[in-house]
């Protein structure tokens, strides 16, 4: 079902030795355990709804307890390795170029995709590596120019970190240039919650 994903195990094993040294360097210093403050339930992105219609088995509507990734050195290396592999292996294209659609979320099984597709593949691969789904959260943000963008948030014991197709560095969420809008709830992946901006960034957020 996931041809590209299945092939990654051998690829990652071969690449592991070469990337091991750089993996730790791909993780920014923790931002004193900062966690995003989530608010009320909000609208679910159309792309997620459409994705779930095609991958219903991966979008089970069930409630579970929140979980975190224990950010050990070994976990950091594994996360950084997957992040770098996906960023390197997938050709970035817009949904309009790829699917002639405004917003389409899918696995980049043909080696092409936009920001949501990068994040979905990283999420899937991390789950297959044993990381808890409740800590891997699809997230919608705004760039400085107002354009929409999607990333993957990792809820860890050291704070919220971000995996982004625009950089191989895993950064604390407060060290990114984005205005955070909403993300999946830890309790239910089909529920999305609003994200409050840190006070220091309210001016940038336009609030």
Protein backbone atom coordinates (compact mmCIF):
# COMPACT_ATOMS: atom_id res chain seq x y z
CA UNK A 1 0.00 0.00 0.00
CA UNK A 2 2.80 2.35 0.83
CA UNK A 3 5.45 1.32 -1.70
CA UNK A 4 7.72 4.26 -1.08
CA UNK A 5 7.47 3.88 2.70
CA UNK A 6 8.20 0.16 2.64
CA UNK A 7 11.40 0.76 0.68
CA UNK A 8 12.71 3.27 3.20
CA UNK A 9 13.72 0.75 5.86
CA UNK A 10 16.67 -0.56 3.86
CA UNK A 11 17.56 2.91 2.63
CA UNK A 12 17.59 4.33 6.13
CA UNK A 13 19.70 1.45 7.40
CA UNK A 14 22.32 2.10 4.72
CA UNK A 15 22.21 5.83 5.29
CA UNK A 16 22.33 5.55 9.06
CA UNK A 17 26.08 5.42 9.44
CA UNK A 18 26.61 8.41 7.17
CA UNK A 19 23.93 10.48 8.85
CA UNK A 20 24.55 9.50 12.47
CA UNK A 21 27.10 12.23 13.06
CA UNK A 22 24.97 14.92 11.46
CA UNK A 23 21.69 13.79 13.04
CA UNK A 24 22.40 15.22 16.47
CA UNK A 25 23.57 18.43 14.84
CA UNK A 26 20.18 18.60 13.16
CA UNK A 27 18.42 19.21 16.46
CA UNK A 28 18.29 22.74 17.86
CA UNK A 29 18.77 23.32 21.58
CA UNK A 30 15.60 22.96 23.67
CA UNK A 31 13.73 26.18 24.32
CA UNK A 32 13.46 25.66 28.07
CA UNK A 33 10.72 23.10 27.65
CA UNK A 34 8.30 25.45 25.88
CA UNK A 35 4.98 23.92 24.89
CA UNK A 36 2.42 25.48 22.60
CA UNK A 37 -0.75 26.55 24.38
CA UNK A 38 -3.73 25.04 22.61
CA UNK A 39 -7.22 26.46 22.86
CA UNK A 40 -10.70 25.61 21.73
CA UNK A 41 -11.64 23.07 19.11
CA UNK A 42 -11.52 24.60 15.63
CA UNK A 43 -12.22 23.73 12.01
CA UNK A 44 -10.61 20.64 10.49
CA UNK A 45 -8.56 21.33 7.33
CA UNK A 46 -10.27 20.12 4.18
CA UNK A 47 -7.08 18.33 3.18
CA UNK A 48 -7.21 16.14 6.30
CA UNK A 49 -10.89 15.32 5.74
CA UNK A 50 -10.20 14.36 2.14
CA UNK A 51 -7.12 12.34 3.14
CA UNK A 52 -9.18 10.41 5.69
CA UNK A 53 -11.79 9.50 3.10
CA UNK A 54 -9.05 7.70 1.18
CA UNK A 55 -7.10 6.35 4.17
CA UNK A 56 -9.91 5.62 6.62
CA UNK A 57 -7.87 3.00 8.43
CA UNK A 58 -5.35 5.65 9.45
CA UNK A 59 -7.93 8.12 10.68
CA UNK A 60 -9.82 6.12 13.27
CA UNK A 61 -12.03 8.40 15.32
CA UNK A 62 -11.02 7.32 18.80
CA UNK A 63 -9.96 9.04 21.99
CA UNK A 64 -6.65 8.24 23.66
CA UNK A 65 -4.49 9.69 26.39
CA UNK A 66 -1.88 12.30 25.40
CA UNK A 67 1.65 10.96 25.04
CA UNK A 68 5.09 12.46 24.54
CA UNK A 69 8.27 11.46 22.76
CA UNK A 70 11.12 10.88 25.17
CA UNK A 71 13.82 12.87 23.42
CA UNK A 72 16.81 10.66 24.13
CA UNK A 73 19.96 10.97 21.97
CA UNK A 74 18.93 7.77 20.15
CA UNK A 75 15.44 9.17 19.49
CA UNK A 76 16.93 12.46 18.26
CA UNK A 77 19.16 10.63 15.79
CA UNK A 78 16.29 8.53 14.47
CA UNK A 79 13.99 11.54 14.07
CA UNK A 80 16.68 13.65 12.41
CA UNK A 81 17.56 10.81 10.05
CA UNK A 82 13.93 10.39 8.91
CA UNK A 83 13.44 14.14 8.60
CA UNK A 84 16.54 14.54 6.44
CA UNK A 85 15.73 11.50 4.30
CA UNK A 86 12.21 12.69 3.48
CA UNK A 87 13.39 16.23 2.78
CA UNK A 88 16.06 14.93 0.42
CA UNK A 89 14.00 12.22 -1.29
CA UNK A 90 10.77 14.07 -2.11
CA UNK A 91 10.63 16.65 -4.88
CA UNK A 92 8.64 19.69 -3.71
CA UNK A 93 5.76 20.60 -6.01
CA UNK A 94 2.56 22.52 -5.41
CA UNK A 95 -0.82 20.82 -5.34
CA UNK A 96 -1.76 22.78 -8.42
CA UNK A 97 1.24 21.42 -10.32
CA UNK A 98 0.87 17.92 -8.94
CA UNK A 99 -2.87 17.32 -8.83
CA UNK A 100 -4.41 20.42 -10.45
CA UNK A 101 -6.03 21.02 -7.06
CA UNK A 102 -5.97 23.84 -4.54
CA UNK A 103 -5.42 21.61 -1.51
CA UNK A 104 -4.69 17.87 -1.64
CA UNK A 105 -3.06 15.88 1.17
CA UNK A 106 -1.54 12.50 0.31
CA UNK A 107 1.52 10.33 0.70
CA UNK A 108 4.17 11.27 -1.89
CA UNK A 109 4.34 7.75 -3.31
CA UNK A 110 5.48 9.09 -6.69
CA UNK A 111 8.35 11.00 -5.10
CA UNK A 112 6.61 14.38 -5.35
CA UNK A 113 4.57 16.42 -2.89
CA UNK A 114 4.01 19.67 -1.06
CA UNK A 115 4.46 20.54 2.61
CA UNK A 116 1.50 18.47 3.89
CA UNK A 117 2.71 15.42 2.00
CA UNK A 118 6.20 15.72 3.51
CA UNK A 119 4.66 15.95 7.00
CA UNK A 120 2.32 13.01 6.42
CA UNK A 121 5.17 10.78 5.29
CA UNK A 122 7.35 11.76 8.27
CA UNK A 123 4.42 11.07 10.59
CA UNK A 124 3.83 7.66 9.04
CA UNK A 125 7.50 6.66 9.18
CA UNK A 126 7.91 7.81 12.78
CA UNK A 127 4.84 5.81 13.82
CA UNK A 128 6.30 2.76 12.09
CA UNK A 129 9.50 3.33 14.09
CA UNK A 130 7.52 3.12 17.32
CA UNK A 131 6.91 6.78 18.14
CA UNK A 132 3.46 7.48 19.60
CA UNK A 133 0.88 8.85 17.18
CA UNK A 134 -0.48 11.08 19.97
CA UNK A 135 2.81 13.01 19.94
CA UNK A 136 3.01 13.46 16.14
CA UNK A 137 0.68 16.28 15.23
CA UNK A 138 -0.10 17.68 11.79
CA UNK A 139 0.04 21.47 12.18
CA UNK A 140 -1.09 24.43 10.08
CA UNK A 141 0.94 27.65 10.23
CA UNK A 142 1.25 30.94 8.37
CA UNK A 143 4.47 32.19 6.85
CA UNK A 144 5.52 35.84 7.25
CA UNK A 145 4.02 36.67 3.87
CA UNK A 146 0.69 35.19 4.93
CA UNK A 147 0.95 32.00 2.88
CA UNK A 148 -0.32 28.81 4.48
CA UNK A 149 2.17 26.08 5.33
CA UNK A 150 2.05 22.71 7.10
CA UNK A 151 4.60 21.09 9.39
CA UNK A 152 4.75 18.21 11.84
CA UNK A 153 4.85 19.04 15.55
CA UNK A 154 6.55 16.60 17.91
CA UNK A 155 5.30 16.77 21.47
CA UNK A 156 8.32 15.75 23.53
CA UNK A 157 9.37 15.67 27.17
CA UNK A 158 11.55 18.70 26.35
CA UNK A 159 8.93 20.83 24.63
CA UNK A 160 7.24 21.07 21.25
CA UNK A 161 9.57 20.60 18.28
CA UNK A 162 8.91 21.08 14.58
CA UNK A 163 9.80 19.01 11.52
CA UNK A 164 9.68 21.15 8.39
CA UNK A 165 10.34 20.34 4.74
CA UNK A 166 12.17 23.67 4.44
CA UNK A 167 14.94 22.71 6.88
CA UNK A 168 16.61 19.55 8.16
CA UNK A 169 16.96 21.03 11.63
CA UNK A 170 14.43 19.97 14.25
CA UNK A 171 13.59 23.24 15.99
CA UNK A 172 11.59 24.24 19.08
CA UNK A 173 8.32 25.70 17.85
CA UNK A 174 9.18 29.16 19.21
CA UNK A 175 12.36 29.26 17.12
CA UNK A 176 10.52 29.10 13.80
CA UNK A 177 9.40 32.10 11.71
CA UNK A 178 5.77 31.00 11.62
CA UNK A 179 2.47 32.08 13.14
CA UNK A 180 0.90 28.92 14.45
CA UNK A 181 -2.77 28.49 13.62
CA UNK A 182 -4.01 25.02 14.57
CA UNK A 183 -3.02 21.40 14.94
CA UNK A 184 -4.36 17.96 15.69
CA UNK A 185 -5.45 17.28 19.23
CA UNK A 186 -3.33 14.80 21.15
CA UNK A 187 -6.47 13.07 22.36
CA UNK A 188 -8.13 12.59 18.95
CA UNK A 189 -6.37 12.98 15.62
CA UNK A 190 -9.62 14.01 13.91
CA UNK A 191 -10.14 16.93 16.30
CA UNK A 192 -8.16 20.11 15.62
CA UNK A 193 -7.42 22.81 18.18
CA UNK A 194 -6.36 26.44 17.89
CA UNK A 195 -2.83 27.46 18.96
CA UNK A 196 -2.07 30.56 21.00
CA UNK A 197 1.01 32.57 20.11
CA UNK A 198 3.69 33.23 22.78
CA UNK A 199 3.41 36.74 24.21
CA UNK A 200 6.77 37.71 22.76
CA UNK A 201 5.46 37.06 19.26
CA UNK A 202 2.05 38.72 19.45
CA UNK A 203 3.26 41.72 17.44
CA UNK A 204 4.39 39.49 14.61
CA UNK A 205 1.18 37.48 14.78
CA UNK A 206 -0.84 40.63 14.28
CA UNK A 207 -2.92 40.03 17.41
